C-alpha atoms as a PDB file:
ATOM      1  CA  MET A   1       0.000   0.000   0.000  1.00  0.00           C
ATOM      2  CA  ILE A   2       2.864   2.363   0.832  1.00  0.00           C
ATOM      3  CA  GLU A   3       4.357   1.638  -2.587  1.00  0.00           C
ATOM      4  CA  PHE A   4       1.305   3.066  -4.335  1.00  0.00           C
ATOM      5  CA  LEU A   5       0.584   6.066  -2.047  1.00  0.00           C
ATOM      6  CA  PRO A   6       3.859   6.747  -0.224  1.00  0.00           C
ATOM      7  CA  THR A   7       3.261  10.300   1.082  1.00  0.00           C
ATOM      8  CA  PRO A   8       0.438  12.290   2.731  1.00  0.00           C
ATOM      9  CA  TRP A   9       0.152  14.299  -0.496  1.00  0.00           C
ATOM     10  CA  HIS A  10      -0.568  11.120  -2.429  1.00  0.00           C
ATOM     11  CA  TRP A  11      -3.273  10.227   0.069  1.00  0.00           C
ATOM     12  CA  LEU A  12      -4.764  13.717  -0.138  1.00  0.00           C
ATOM     13  CA  GLY A  13      -4.906  13.363  -3.912  1.00  0.00           C
ATOM     14  CA  ALA A  14      -6.570   9.961  -3.561  1.00  0.00           C
ATOM     15  CA  VAL A  15      -9.226  11.440  -1.241  1.00  0.00           C
ATOM     16  CA  GLY A  16      -9.949  14.135  -3.827  1.00  0.00           C
ATOM     17  CA  CYS A  17     -10.269  11.452  -6.500  1.00  0.00           C
ATOM     18  CA  ALA A  18     -12.722   9.502  -4.327  1.00  0.00           C
ATOM     19  CA  LEU A  19     -14.840  12.623  -3.783  1.00  0.00           C
ATOM     20  CA  VAL A  20     -15.008  13.136  -7.561  1.00  0.00           C
ATOM     21  CA  VAL A  21     -16.020   9.501  -8.106  1.00  0.00           C
ATOM     22  CA  GLY A  22     -18.929   9.880  -5.697  1.00  0.00           C
ATOM     23  CA  ALA A  23     -20.099  13.231  -7.054  1.00  0.00           C
ATOM     24  CA  ALA A  24     -19.938  11.992 -10.652  1.00  0.00           C
ATOM     25  CA  LYS A  25     -22.289   9.103  -9.938  1.00  0.00           C
ATOM     26  CA  THR A  26     -25.036  11.146  -8.295  1.00  0.00           C
ATOM     27  CA  GLY A  27     -24.747  14.676  -9.652  1.00  0.00           C
ATOM     28  CA  ILE A  28     -22.525  15.390 -12.644  1.00  0.00           C
ATOM     29  CA  PRO A  29     -22.188  12.421 -15.022  1.00  0.00           C
ATOM     30  CA  GLY A  30     -18.941  12.590 -16.952  1.00  0.00           C
ATOM     31  CA  LEU A  31     -16.973  14.200 -14.143  1.00  0.00           C
ATOM     32  CA  GLY A  32     -15.704  10.752 -13.273  1.00  0.00           C
ATOM     33  CA  PHE A  33     -13.444  10.733 -16.351  1.00  0.00           C
ATOM     34  CA  LEU A  34     -11.030  12.758 -14.227  1.00  0.00           C
ATOM     35  CA  ALA A  35     -10.609   9.843 -11.834  1.00  0.00           C
ATOM     36  CA  VAL A  36      -8.971   7.553 -14.420  1.00  0.00           C
ATOM     37  CA  PRO A  37      -5.857   9.649 -15.231  1.00  0.00           C
ATOM     38  CA  TRP A  38      -5.855  11.165 -11.727  1.00  0.00           C
ATOM     39  CA  LEU A  39      -5.470   7.807  -9.986  1.00  0.00           C
ATOM     40  CA  ALA A  40      -3.044   6.553 -12.644  1.00  0.00           C
ATOM     41  CA  LEU A  41      -0.809   9.536 -11.881  1.00  0.00           C
ATOM     42  CA  LEU A  42      -0.944   8.826  -8.143  1.00  0.00           C
ATOM     43  CA  PHE A  43      -0.011   5.216  -8.881  1.00  0.00           C
ATOM     44  CA  HIS A  44       3.030   6.392 -10.872  1.00  0.00           C
ATOM     45  CA  ASP A  45       1.378   5.523 -14.207  1.00  0.00           C
ATOM     46  CA  GLN A  46       0.734   1.897 -13.234  1.00  0.00           C
ATOM     47  CA  VAL A  47      -2.396   2.048 -15.327  1.00  0.00           C
ATOM     48  CA  ARG A  48      -3.787  -1.419 -14.742  1.00  0.00           C
ATOM     49  CA  MET A  49      -3.245  -1.342 -10.978  1.00  0.00           C
ATOM     50  CA  SER A  50      -4.853   2.087 -10.752  1.00  0.00           C
ATOM     51  CA  ALA A  51      -7.850   0.756 -12.727  1.00  0.00           C
ATOM     52  CA  GLY A  52      -8.046  -2.153 -10.283  1.00  0.00           C
ATOM     53  CA  ALA A  53      -8.026   0.234  -7.325  1.00  0.00           C
ATOM     54  CA  LEU A  54     -10.633   2.457  -8.966  1.00  0.00           C
ATOM     55  CA  LEU A  55     -13.185  -0.267  -9.712  1.00  0.00           C
ATOM     56  CA  PRO A  56     -14.220  -1.044  -6.081  1.00  0.00           C
ATOM     57  CA  LEU A  57     -14.578   2.704  -5.441  1.00  0.00           C
ATOM     58  CA  LEU A  58     -16.861   2.923  -8.469  1.00  0.00           C
ATOM     59  CA  CYS A  59     -18.897   0.021  -7.069  1.00  0.00           C
ATOM     60  CA  VAL A  60     -19.345   1.835  -3.750  1.00  0.00           C
ATOM     61  CA  ALA A  61     -20.417   4.984  -5.605  1.00  0.00           C
ATOM     62  CA  ASP A  62     -22.835   2.886  -7.689  1.00  0.00           C
ATOM     63  CA  VAL A  63     -24.444   1.527  -4.530  1.00  0.00           C
ATOM     64  CA  MET A  64     -24.859   5.066  -3.201  1.00  0.00           C
ATOM     65  CA  ALA A  65     -26.344   6.270  -6.487  1.00  0.00           C
ATOM     66  CA  VAL A  66     -28.791   3.375  -6.692  1.00  0.00           C
ATOM     67  CA  TRP A  67     -29.885   3.988  -3.101  1.00  0.00           C
ATOM     68  CA  LEU A  68     -30.292   7.756  -3.546  1.00  0.00           C
ATOM     69  CA  TYR A  69     -32.317   7.252  -6.759  1.00  0.00           C
ATOM     70  CA  ARG A  70     -34.076   4.085  -5.613  1.00  0.00           C
ATOM     71  CA  ASN A  71     -37.533   5.503  -6.299  1.00  0.00           C
ATOM     72  CA  ASN A  72     -36.720   6.316  -9.918  1.00  0.00           C
ATOM     73  CA  ARG A  73     -37.582   3.623 -12.472  1.00  0.00           C
ATOM     74  CA  ALA A  74     -35.644   4.993 -15.450  1.00  0.00           C
ATOM     75  CA  ILE A  75     -33.638   1.757 -15.703  1.00  0.00           C
ATOM     76  CA  HIS A  76     -36.289   0.458 -18.150  1.00  0.00           C
ATOM     77  CA  GLN A  77     -34.572   2.736 -20.700  1.00  0.00           C
ATOM     78  CA  LEU A  78     -31.539   0.418 -20.713  1.00  0.00           C
ATOM     79  CA  TRP A  79     -32.642  -3.219 -20.345  1.00  0.00           C
ATOM     80  CA  HIS A  80     -32.572  -3.782 -24.093  1.00  0.00           C
ATOM     81  CA  MET A  81     -28.877  -2.835 -24.141  1.00  0.00           C
ATOM     82  CA  LEU A  82     -27.802  -5.492 -21.640  1.00  0.00           C
ATOM     83  CA  PRO A  83     -26.964  -8.328 -24.104  1.00  0.00           C
ATOM     84  CA  TRP A  84     -24.893  -5.946 -26.210  1.00  0.00           C
ATOM     85  CA  VAL A  85     -23.052  -4.596 -23.177  1.00  0.00           C
ATOM     86  CA  LEU A  86     -22.189  -8.148 -22.106  1.00  0.00           C
ATOM     87  CA  ALA A  87     -20.883  -8.853 -25.619  1.00  0.00           C
ATOM     88  CA  GLY A  88     -18.747  -5.728 -25.415  1.00  0.00           C
ATOM     89  CA  MET A  89     -17.388  -6.794 -22.031  1.00  0.00           C
ATOM     90  CA  GLY A  90     -16.329 -10.087 -23.605  1.00  0.00           C
ATOM     91  CA  LEU A  91     -14.495  -8.174 -26.323  1.00  0.00           C
ATOM     92  CA  GLY A  92     -12.904  -5.917 -23.722  1.00  0.00           C
ATOM     93  CA  ALA A  93     -11.724  -8.871 -21.652  1.00  0.00           C
ATOM     94  CA  ALA A  94     -10.126 -10.435 -24.736  1.00  0.00           C
ATOM     95  CA  ALA A  95      -8.502  -7.106 -25.608  1.00  0.00           C
ATOM     96  CA  LEU A  96      -6.969  -6.857 -22.128  1.00  0.00           C
ATOM     97  CA  TRP A  97      -5.222 -10.159 -22.788  1.00  0.00           C
ATOM     98  CA  LEU A  98      -4.182  -9.546 -26.387  1.00  0.00           C
ATOM     99  CA  LEU A  99      -3.655  -5.827 -27.021  1.00  0.00           C
ATOM    100  CA  SER A 100      -1.747  -2.967 -25.424  1.00  0.00           C
ATOM    101  CA  ASP A 101      -3.183   0.308 -24.131  1.00  0.00           C
ATOM    102  CA  ALA A 102      -1.211   2.114 -26.865  1.00  0.00           C
ATOM    103  CA  VAL A 103      -3.374   0.379 -29.480  1.00  0.00           C
ATOM    104  CA  LEU A 104      -6.705   0.359 -27.692  1.00  0.00           C
ATOM    105  CA  ARG A 105      -7.004   3.868 -26.314  1.00  0.00           C
ATOM    106  CA  PRO A 106      -6.852   5.907 -29.568  1.00  0.00           C
ATOM    107  CA  VAL A 107      -9.230   3.490 -31.303  1.00  0.00           C
ATOM    108  CA  LEU A 108     -11.754   3.970 -28.501  1.00  0.00           C
ATOM    109  CA  GLY A 109     -11.217   7.723 -28.668  1.00  0.00           C
ATOM    110  CA  VAL A 110     -12.082   7.812 -32.370  1.00  0.00           C
ATOM    111  CA  ILE A 111     -15.250   5.785 -31.772  1.00  0.00           C
ATOM    112  CA  LEU A 112     -16.378   8.015 -28.919  1.00  0.00           C
ATOM    113  CA  LEU A 113     -15.757  11.221 -30.853  1.00  0.00           C
ATOM    114  CA  GLY A 114     -17.768   9.769 -33.718  1.00  0.00           C
ATOM    115  CA  MET A 115     -20.671   9.162 -31.349  1.00  0.00           C
ATOM    116  CA  ILE A 116     -20.434  12.715 -30.044  1.00  0.00           C
ATOM    117  CA  GLY A 117     -20.467  14.007 -33.618  1.00  0.00           C
ATOM    118  CA  LEU A 118     -23.573  11.926 -34.331  1.00  0.00           C
ATOM    119  CA  HIS A 119     -25.288  13.370 -31.275  1.00  0.00           C
ATOM    120  CA  LEU A 120     -24.489  16.964 -32.292  1.00  0.00           C
ATOM    121  CA  TRP A 121     -25.747  16.317 -35.808  1.00  0.00           C
ATOM    122  CA  ARG A 122     -28.987  14.875 -34.473  1.00  0.00           C
ATOM    123  CA  LYS A 123     -29.383  17.812 -32.104  1.00  0.00           C
ATOM    124  CA  ARG A 124     -29.432  20.121 -35.124  1.00  0.00           C
ATOM    125  CA  HIS A 125     -32.312  18.033 -36.482  1.00  0.00           C
ATOM    126  CA  ALA A 126     -34.701  18.182 -33.559  1.00  0.00           C
ATOM    127  CA  ASP A 127     -37.479  16.491 -35.541  1.00  0.00           C
ATOM    128  CA  LEU A 128     -35.588  13.169 -35.579  1.00  0.00           C
ATOM    129  CA  ALA A 129     -36.832  10.386 -33.315  1.00  0.00           C
ATOM    130  CA  PRO A 130     -34.633   9.107 -30.466  1.00  0.00           C
ATOM    131  CA  LEU A 131     -32.031   6.510 -31.456  1.00  0.00           C
ATOM    132  CA  GLY A 132     -33.477   3.054 -32.127  1.00  0.00           C
ATOM    133  CA  ARG A 133     -32.460  -0.495 -31.236  1.00  0.00           C
ATOM    134  CA  GLY A 134     -29.665  -0.692 -33.810  1.00  0.00           C
ATOM    135  CA  ALA A 135     -27.937   2.332 -32.333  1.00  0.00           C
ATOM    136  CA  ALA A 136     -28.528   0.949 -28.837  1.00  0.00           C
ATOM    137  CA  ALA A 137     -26.649  -2.212 -29.864  1.00  0.00           C
ATOM    138  CA  ALA A 138     -23.676  -0.176 -31.120  1.00  0.00           C
ATOM    139  CA  PHE A 139     -23.601   1.943 -27.990  1.00  0.00           C
ATOM    140  CA  GLY A 140     -23.977  -1.140 -25.809  1.00  0.00           C
ATOM    141  CA  VAL A 141     -21.050  -3.009 -27.369  1.00  0.00           C
ATOM    142  CA  THR A 142     -18.878   0.101 -27.199  1.00  0.00           C
ATOM    143  CA  ALA A 143     -19.825   0.775 -23.578  1.00  0.00           C
ATOM    144  CA  GLY A 144     -19.069  -2.804 -22.572  1.00  0.00           C
ATOM    145  CA  THR A 145     -15.697  -2.723 -24.323  1.00  0.00           C
ATOM    146  CA  THR A 146     -14.571   0.658 -22.999  1.00  0.00           C
ATOM    147  CA  THR A 147     -15.656   0.008 -19.432  1.00  0.00           C
ATOM    148  CA  THR A 148     -13.753  -3.284 -19.317  1.00  0.00           C
ATOM    149  CA  ILE A 149     -10.576  -1.878 -20.823  1.00  0.00           C
ATOM    150  CA  ALA A 150     -10.319   1.448 -19.030  1.00  0.00           C
ATOM    151  CA  ASN A 151     -13.361   2.190 -16.807  1.00  0.00           C
ATOM    152  CA  ALA A 152     -14.196   4.654 -19.599  1.00  0.00           C
ATOM    153  CA  ALA A 153     -17.778   3.899 -20.606  1.00  0.00           C
ATOM    154  CA  GLY A 154     -19.050   7.142 -19.109  1.00  0.00           C
ATOM    155  CA  PRO A 155     -18.814   9.201 -22.334  1.00  0.00           C
ATOM    156  CA  VAL A 156     -20.530   6.426 -24.322  1.00  0.00           C
ATOM    157  CA  MET A 157     -23.496   6.089 -21.997  1.00  0.00           C
ATOM    158  CA  ASN A 158     -23.807   9.820 -21.439  1.00  0.00           C
ATOM    159  CA  ILE A 159     -24.122  10.465 -25.173  1.00  0.00           C
ATOM    160  CA  TYR A 160     -26.665   7.645 -25.528  1.00  0.00           C
ATOM    161  CA  LEU A 161     -28.756   8.913 -22.609  1.00  0.00           C
ATOM    162  CA  LEU A 162     -28.619  12.471 -23.960  1.00  0.00           C
ATOM    163  CA  SER A 163     -30.014  11.124 -27.235  1.00  0.00           C
ATOM    164  CA  GLN A 164     -32.993   9.723 -25.324  1.00  0.00           C
ATOM    165  CA  ARG A 165     -33.888  13.230 -24.095  1.00  0.00           C
ATOM    166  CA  LEU A 166     -34.273  12.179 -20.496  1.00  0.00           C
ATOM    167  CA  PRO A 167     -34.869  14.624 -17.648  1.00  0.00           C
ATOM    168  CA  LYS A 168     -31.709  14.996 -15.580  1.00  0.00           C
ATOM    169  CA  GLU A 169     -32.924  12.878 -12.645  1.00  0.00           C
ATOM    170  CA  ASP A 170     -33.957  10.040 -14.984  1.00  0.00           C
ATOM    171  CA  PHE A 171     -30.619  10.419 -16.772  1.00  0.00           C
ATOM    172  CA  ILE A 172     -28.647   9.922 -13.540  1.00  0.00           C
ATOM    173  CA  ALA A 173     -30.882   7.140 -12.240  1.00  0.00           C
ATOM    174  CA  ALA A 174     -30.629   5.118 -15.472  1.00  0.00           C
ATOM    175  CA  GLY A 175     -26.852   5.510 -15.483  1.00  0.00           C
ATOM    176  CA  ALA A 176     -26.666   4.525 -11.812  1.00  0.00           C
ATOM    177  CA  TRP A 177     -28.434   1.209 -12.336  1.00  0.00           C
ATOM    178  CA  PHE A 178     -26.507   0.508 -15.536  1.00  0.00           C
ATOM    179  CA  PHE A 179     -23.066   0.987 -14.003  1.00  0.00           C
ATOM    180  CA  PHE A 180     -24.076  -0.792 -10.800  1.00  0.00           C
ATOM    181  CA  ALA A 181     -24.644  -3.973 -12.826  1.00  0.00           C
ATOM    182  CA  VAL A 182     -21.714  -3.529 -15.197  1.00  0.00           C
ATOM    183  CA  ASN A 183     -19.083  -2.698 -12.570  1.00  0.00           C
ATOM    184  CA  LEU A 184     -20.060  -5.680 -10.431  1.00  0.00           C
ATOM    185  CA  ALA A 185     -19.677  -7.904 -13.488  1.00  0.00           C
ATOM    186  CA  LYS A 186     -16.175  -6.524 -14.091  1.00  0.00           C
ATOM    187  CA  LEU A 187     -14.846  -7.541 -10.668  1.00  0.00           C
ATOM    188  CA  PRO A 188     -14.044 -11.167 -11.669  1.00  0.00           C
ATOM    189  CA  ILE A 189     -12.316  -9.979 -14.846  1.00  0.00           C
ATOM    190  CA  TYR A 190     -10.078  -7.567 -12.957  1.00  0.00           C
ATOM    191  CA  GLY A 191      -9.440 -10.122 -10.236  1.00  0.00           C
ATOM    192  CA  SER A 192      -8.344 -12.743 -12.751  1.00  0.00           C
ATOM    193  CA  ARG A 193      -5.905 -10.250 -14.283  1.00  0.00           C
ATOM    194  CA  GLY A 194      -4.307  -9.483 -10.907  1.00  0.00           C
ATOM    195  CA  MET A 195      -5.514  -5.882 -11.102  1.00  0.00           C
ATOM    196  CA  ILE A 196      -7.246  -6.063  -7.712  1.00  0.00           C
ATOM    197  CA  THR A 197      -4.950  -6.990  -4.830  1.00  0.00           C
ATOM    198  CA  VAL A 198      -4.953  -6.876  -1.041  1.00  0.00           C
ATOM    199  CA  ASP A 199      -3.034  -3.584  -1.210  1.00  0.00           C
ATOM    200  CA  THR A 200      -5.494  -1.913  -3.588  1.00  0.00           C
ATOM    201  CA  LEU A 201      -8.440  -3.108  -1.475  1.00  0.00           C
ATOM    202  CA  LEU A 202      -6.848  -1.651   1.672  1.00  0.00           C
ATOM    203  CA  ILE A 203      -6.478   1.679  -0.102  1.00  0.00           C
ATOM    204  CA  ASP A 204     -10.117   1.485  -1.206  1.00  0.00           C
ATOM    205  CA  ALA A 205     -11.262   0.771   2.353  1.00  0.00           C
ATOM    206  CA  TRP A 206      -9.679   4.027   3.550  1.00  0.00           C
ATOM    207  CA  LEU A 207     -11.258   5.990   0.689  1.00  0.00           C
ATOM    208  CA  VAL A 208     -14.842   4.719   1.025  1.00  0.00           C
ATOM    209  CA  PRO A 209     -15.931   7.590   3.362  1.00  0.00           C
ATOM    210  CA  ALA A 210     -14.785  10.126   0.758  1.00  0.00           C
ATOM    211  CA  VAL A 211     -16.807   8.328  -1.948  1.00  0.00           C
ATOM    212  CA  ILE A 212     -19.920   8.443   0.242  1.00  0.00           C
ATOM    213  CA  ALA A 213     -19.381  12.137   1.009  1.00  0.00           C
ATOM    214  CA  GLY A 214     -18.928  12.894  -2.699  1.00  0.00           C
ATOM    215  CA  SER A 215     -22.160  11.037  -3.514  1.00  0.00           C
ATOM    216  CA  LEU A 216     -24.140  13.153  -1.075  1.00  0.00           C
ATOM    217  CA  ILE A 217     -22.564  16.350  -2.416  1.00  0.00           C
ATOM    218  CA  GLY A 218     -23.379  15.371  -6.001  1.00  0.00           C
ATOM    219  CA  ARG A 219     -27.022  14.722  -5.108  1.00  0.00           C
ATOM    220  CA  ARG A 220     -27.352  18.248  -3.734  1.00  0.00           C
ATOM    221  CA  ILE A 221     -25.570  19.826  -6.705  1.00  0.00           C
ATOM    222  CA  VAL A 222     -27.782  18.283  -9.391  1.00  0.00           C
ATOM    223  CA  LYS A 223     -30.932  19.747  -7.849  1.00  0.00           C
ATOM    224  CA  ARG A 224     -29.549  23.233  -8.483  1.00  0.00           C
ATOM    225  CA  ILE A 225     -28.503  22.783 -12.127  1.00  0.00           C
ATOM    226  CA  PRO A 226     -31.004  23.736 -14.896  1.00  0.00           C
ATOM    227  CA  GLN A 227     -31.724  21.005 -17.460  1.00  0.00           C
ATOM    228  CA  GLY A 228     -30.063  22.853 -20.341  1.00  0.00           C
ATOM    229  CA  THR A 229     -26.919  23.555 -18.334  1.00  0.00           C
ATOM    230  CA  PHE A 230     -26.846  19.940 -17.175  1.00  0.00           C
ATOM    231  CA  GLU A 231     -26.901  18.646 -20.760  1.00  0.00           C
ATOM    232  CA  LEU A 232     -24.172  21.082 -21.830  1.00  0.00           C
ATOM    233  CA  ILE A 233     -21.910  20.017 -18.942  1.00  0.00           C
ATOM    234  CA  VAL A 234     -22.436  16.336 -19.743  1.00  0.00           C
ATOM    235  CA  LEU A 235     -21.619  16.872 -23.440  1.00  0.00           C
ATOM    236  CA  LEU A 236     -18.499  18.909 -22.660  1.00  0.00           C
ATOM    237  CA  LEU A 237     -17.192  16.356 -20.159  1.00  0.00           C
ATOM    238  CA  ALA A 238     -17.903  13.483 -22.560  1.00  0.00           C
ATOM    239  CA  THR A 239     -15.849  15.248 -25.240  1.00  0.00           C
ATOM    240  CA  ILE A 240     -12.930  15.893 -22.883  1.00  0.00           C
ATOM    241  CA  GLY A 241     -13.062  12.303 -21.638  1.00  0.00           C
ATOM    242  CA  SER A 242     -12.910  11.029 -25.230  1.00  0.00           C
ATOM    243  CA  LEU A 243      -9.952  13.266 -26.105  1.00  0.00           C
ATOM    244  CA  MET A 244      -8.053  12.055 -23.047  1.00  0.00           C
ATOM    245  CA  LEU A 245      -7.969   8.566 -24.542  1.00  0.00           C
ATOM    246  CA  PHE A 246      -5.483   9.912 -27.091  1.00  0.00           C
ATOM    247  CA  ILE A 247      -2.990  10.798 -24.340  1.00  0.00           C
ATOM    248  CA  PRO A 248      -0.427   7.972 -24.149  1.00  0.00           C
ATOM    249  CA  THR A 249       0.251   6.291 -20.826  1.00  0.00           C
ATOM    250  CA  ARG A 250       3.083   4.061 -19.744  1.00  0.00           C
ATOM    251  CA  PRO A 251       2.062   0.456 -19.147  1.00  0.00           C
ATOM    252  CA  ALA A 252       2.044  -0.864 -15.589  1.00  0.00           C
END
């Protein structure tokens, strides 16, 4: 544990990361993209170990989000995507074994930017119907792949949910249930790859209170954000998160 976070400054940075993880799940979707490079930096660019440490924190934040939005039934918006997400997770698991981050990350970035471009084009044509089942399949496979490889499905799902024109509370609730299921399913994959260890779990245990605090803060923030501003923030963060996939990282 000391190897990964050797100084009080590292721990302070990790607490800030945990607060962001919590707030992203319950208040500002897309903000969580900061956690991926943030934790990788704290772990001295050991990308896979940082992803393994991040996943349990995401699961805790998912539990908080599901509990805070437990009375919202927006999850019905996403059930039809589940088989495609599972297929994407299978592809992502295979990619973790076969391909390097240097190959995977820019490819995912191109795909995500293409989806953002599609959303902006559709927004200029307000008379178009929400995306259908074919698009849901494409988004589902991409979300499953990106979340398995790099905990980076946020931009994919945020663009898809924006296309469904959901009110902000439904938007967050649907995402909460989706990532609750997906992140739990990823635990065995990360465990089998040695990305989750006793040391990373001990770090996570110390950071859980910060995740909970961030979740409560995010819930209060979202109530104060107008719908139009909320959608603009989500789109901007999704774009930044996609562009960050083009930044090279050193392998663990």
